[in-house]
Amino acid sequence: MAHHTTPPAAGTVSIGPSTADAYRLLPLPETLTGPHLDGHVCVWGGETLTPHTAVDLGSRRIGDRRAFPRACRGCTAKVAMLGLQIHGRDCDDCDGDCAVGRALGRIIRAATR
């Protein structure tokens, strides 16, 4: 999850990816079934999701189809935390002003509410 970004121009403010875009930072498993791609079950844990338990990971193109992956809050928090730990090892900005780190932090907070 290393990232390389160009610093913002002087006088501009970088807020990083939106929370919706940040969900696309989370890696999806390589093998997903129809129910995973349709958002009916958690992409990581496999449990059935409801509108109240699902976290929308953002629509995307996977293979030859449009997918709408979703996950449960617990798995989302775990994957985002792991991603933050991996990313933070190689990111010099994570001690201060890292847009990716902030975005993953927002995901963790939203998933654990």
C-alpha atoms as a PDB file:
ATOM      1  CA  MET A   1       0.000   0.000   0.000  1.00  0.00           C
ATOM      2  CA  ALA A   2       2.887   2.342  -0.556  1.00  0.00           C
ATOM      3  CA  HIS A   3       1.976   5.541  -2.284  1.00  0.00           C
ATOM      4  CA  HIS A   4       3.837   8.131  -4.203  1.00  0.00           C
ATOM      5  CA  THR A   5       2.187  11.476  -4.591  1.00  0.00           C
ATOM      6  CA  THR A   6       3.322  14.803  -5.867  1.00  0.00           C
ATOM      7  CA  PRO A   7       3.328  17.406  -3.100  1.00  0.00           C
ATOM      8  CA  PRO A   8       0.583  20.015  -3.404  1.00  0.00           C
ATOM      9  CA  ALA A   9       1.530  23.374  -4.871  1.00  0.00           C
ATOM     10  CA  ALA A  10       2.409  26.117  -2.403  1.00  0.00           C
ATOM     11  CA  GLY A  11      -0.691  27.676  -0.901  1.00  0.00           C
ATOM     12  CA  THR A  12      -2.958  24.690  -1.588  1.00  0.00           C
ATOM     13  CA  VAL A  13      -4.407  22.268   0.901  1.00  0.00           C
ATOM     14  CA  SER A  14      -4.287  18.523   0.318  1.00  0.00           C
ATOM     15  CA  ILE A  15      -7.087  16.621   2.022  1.00  0.00           C
ATOM     16  CA  GLY A  16      -6.386  13.344   0.262  1.00  0.00           C
ATOM     17  CA  PRO A  17      -8.879  10.863  -1.064  1.00  0.00           C
ATOM     18  CA  SER A  18     -12.512  11.155  -0.063  1.00  0.00           C
ATOM     19  CA  THR A  19     -13.792   8.458   2.264  1.00  0.00           C
ATOM     20  CA  ALA A  20     -15.682   6.897  -0.666  1.00  0.00           C
ATOM     21  CA  ASP A  21     -12.479   6.800  -2.732  1.00  0.00           C
ATOM     22  CA  ALA A  22     -10.511   5.534   0.270  1.00  0.00           C
ATOM     23  CA  TYR A  23     -12.515   2.303   0.291  1.00  0.00           C
ATOM     24  CA  ARG A  24     -10.946   1.541  -3.082  1.00  0.00           C
ATOM     25  CA  LEU A  25      -7.560   1.445  -1.316  1.00  0.00           C
ATOM     26  CA  LEU A  26      -8.601  -1.763   0.442  1.00  0.00           C
ATOM     27  CA  PRO A  27      -7.454  -4.872  -1.415  1.00  0.00           C
ATOM     28  CA  LEU A  28     -10.157  -7.305  -2.509  1.00  0.00           C
ATOM     29  CA  PRO A  29      -9.631 -11.073  -2.555  1.00  0.00           C
ATOM     30  CA  GLU A  30      -8.638 -12.446  -5.952  1.00  0.00           C
ATOM     31  CA  THR A  31     -11.499 -14.946  -6.104  1.00  0.00           C
ATOM     32  CA  LEU A  32     -14.979 -13.493  -5.691  1.00  0.00           C
ATOM     33  CA  THR A  33     -18.288 -15.214  -6.414  1.00  0.00           C
ATOM     34  CA  GLY A  34     -21.454 -13.670  -7.811  1.00  0.00           C
ATOM     35  CA  PRO A  35     -22.856 -12.920  -4.318  1.00  0.00           C
ATOM     36  CA  HIS A  36     -19.574 -11.158  -3.424  1.00  0.00           C
ATOM     37  CA  LEU A  37     -19.621  -9.119  -6.624  1.00  0.00           C
ATOM     38  CA  ASP A  38     -23.279  -8.212  -6.134  1.00  0.00           C
ATOM     39  CA  GLY A  39     -22.688  -7.065  -2.542  1.00  0.00           C
ATOM     40  CA  HIS A  40     -24.853  -9.723  -0.892  1.00  0.00           C
ATOM     41  CA  VAL A  41     -22.044 -11.203   1.218  1.00  0.00           C
ATOM     42  CA  CYS A  42     -18.895  -9.813   2.834  1.00  0.00           C
ATOM     43  CA  VAL A  43     -15.984  -9.986   0.391  1.00  0.00           C
ATOM     44  CA  TRP A  44     -13.638 -11.076   3.182  1.00  0.00           C
ATOM     45  CA  GLY A  45     -15.717 -13.037   5.695  1.00  0.00           C
ATOM     46  CA  GLY A  46     -18.506 -14.374   3.487  1.00  0.00           C
ATOM     47  CA  GLU A  47     -21.372 -13.584   5.864  1.00  0.00           C
ATOM     48  CA  THR A  48     -24.697 -12.379   4.488  1.00  0.00           C
ATOM     49  CA  LEU A  49     -25.075  -8.599   4.617  1.00  0.00           C
ATOM     50  CA  THR A  50     -28.050  -6.356   5.246  1.00  0.00           C
ATOM     51  CA  PRO A  51     -28.359  -2.633   4.540  1.00  0.00           C
ATOM     52  CA  HIS A  52     -27.587  -2.049   8.235  1.00  0.00           C
ATOM     53  CA  THR A  53     -24.496  -4.249   8.410  1.00  0.00           C
ATOM     54  CA  ALA A  54     -22.906  -3.598   5.003  1.00  0.00           C
ATOM     55  CA  VAL A  55     -20.057  -1.230   4.201  1.00  0.00           C
ATOM     56  CA  ASP A  56     -20.135  -0.181   0.545  1.00  0.00           C
ATOM     57  CA  LEU A  57     -16.629  -0.567  -0.902  1.00  0.00           C
ATOM     58  CA  GLY A  58     -17.480   1.328  -4.064  1.00  0.00           C
ATOM     59  CA  SER A  59     -18.561   0.031  -7.437  1.00  0.00           C
ATOM     60  CA  ARG A  60     -15.783  -0.995  -9.778  1.00  0.00           C
ATOM     61  CA  ARG A  61     -15.057  -3.046 -12.827  1.00  0.00           C
ATOM     62  CA  ILE A  62     -13.819  -6.552 -12.001  1.00  0.00           C
ATOM     63  CA  GLY A  63     -13.070  -8.714 -14.986  1.00  0.00           C
ATOM     64  CA  ASP A  64     -15.794  -8.246 -17.557  1.00  0.00           C
ATOM     65  CA  ARG A  65     -18.513  -6.998 -15.230  1.00  0.00           C
ATOM     66  CA  ARG A  66     -19.497  -4.167 -12.952  1.00  0.00           C
ATOM     67  CA  ALA A  67     -19.168  -5.184  -9.291  1.00  0.00           C
ATOM     68  CA  PHE A  68     -20.631  -3.697  -6.133  1.00  0.00           C
ATOM     69  CA  PRO A  69     -18.469  -5.222  -3.384  1.00  0.00           C
ATOM     70  CA  ARG A  70     -19.493  -4.763   0.219  1.00  0.00           C
ATOM     71  CA  ALA A  71     -18.171  -6.007   3.527  1.00  0.00           C
ATOM     72  CA  CYS A  72     -19.155  -6.278   7.165  1.00  0.00           C
ATOM     73  CA  ARG A  73     -17.901  -3.612   9.574  1.00  0.00           C
ATOM     74  CA  GLY A  74     -15.619  -5.999  11.461  1.00  0.00           C
ATOM     75  CA  CYS A  75     -13.775  -7.209   8.373  1.00  0.00           C
ATOM     76  CA  THR A  76     -13.573  -3.667   6.990  1.00  0.00           C
ATOM     77  CA  ALA A  77     -11.940  -2.425  10.194  1.00  0.00           C
ATOM     78  CA  LYS A  78      -9.471  -5.348  10.252  1.00  0.00           C
ATOM     79  CA  VAL A  79      -8.442  -4.949   6.615  1.00  0.00           C
ATOM     80  CA  ALA A  80      -8.110  -1.162   6.944  1.00  0.00           C
ATOM     81  CA  MET A  81      -6.016  -1.538  10.112  1.00  0.00           C
ATOM     82  CA  LEU A  82      -3.734  -4.042   8.414  1.00  0.00           C
ATOM     83  CA  GLY A  83      -3.482  -1.738   5.412  1.00  0.00           C
ATOM     84  CA  LEU A  84      -2.580   1.188   7.674  1.00  0.00           C
ATOM     85  CA  GLN A  85       0.120  -0.858   9.407  1.00  0.00           C
ATOM     86  CA  ILE A  86       1.620  -2.017   6.109  1.00  0.00           C
ATOM     87  CA  HIS A  87       1.386   1.420   4.541  1.00  0.00           C
ATOM     88  CA  GLY A  88       2.846   3.137   7.601  1.00  0.00           C
ATOM     89  CA  ARG A  89       6.015   1.034   7.504  1.00  0.00           C
ATOM     90  CA  ASP A  90       7.055   2.558   4.172  1.00  0.00           C
ATOM     91  CA  CYS A  91       5.483   6.010   4.369  1.00  0.00           C
ATOM     92  CA  ASP A  92       7.647   8.851   5.624  1.00  0.00           C
ATOM     93  CA  ASP A  93       4.582  11.103   5.869  1.00  0.00           C
ATOM     94  CA  CYS A  94       2.493   8.835   8.119  1.00  0.00           C
ATOM     95  CA  ASP A  95       3.953  10.478  11.229  1.00  0.00           C
ATOM     96  CA  GLY A  96       2.483  13.756  10.098  1.00  0.00           C
ATOM     97  CA  ASP A  97       0.551  14.652   7.003  1.00  0.00           C
ATOM     98  CA  CYS A  98      -0.292  11.505   5.049  1.00  0.00           C
ATOM     99  CA  ALA A  99      -3.494  11.569   3.005  1.00  0.00           C
ATOM    100  CA  VAL A 100      -3.619   7.783   2.627  1.00  0.00           C
ATOM    101  CA  GLY A 101      -3.078   7.266   6.371  1.00  0.00           C
ATOM    102  CA  ARG A 102      -5.865   9.743   7.161  1.00  0.00           C
ATOM    103  CA  ALA A 103      -8.195   8.031   4.680  1.00  0.00           C
ATOM    104  CA  LEU A 104      -7.552   4.583   6.174  1.00  0.00           C
ATOM    105  CA  GLY A 105      -8.087   6.065   9.635  1.00  0.00           C
ATOM    106  CA  ARG A 106     -11.487   7.407   8.531  1.00  0.00           C
ATOM    107  CA  ILE A 107     -12.428   3.928   7.317  1.00  0.00           C
ATOM    108  CA  ILE A 108     -11.423   2.374  10.655  1.00  0.00           C
ATOM    109  CA  ARG A 109     -13.404   4.959  12.632  1.00  0.00           C
ATOM    110  CA  ALA A 110     -16.492   4.565  10.427  1.00  0.00           C
ATOM    111  CA  ALA A 111     -16.365   0.773  10.649  1.00  0.00           C
ATOM    112  CA  THR A 112     -16.048   0.720  14.435  1.00  0.00           C
ATOM    113  CA  ARG A 113     -18.867   3.138  15.273  1.00  0.00           C
END
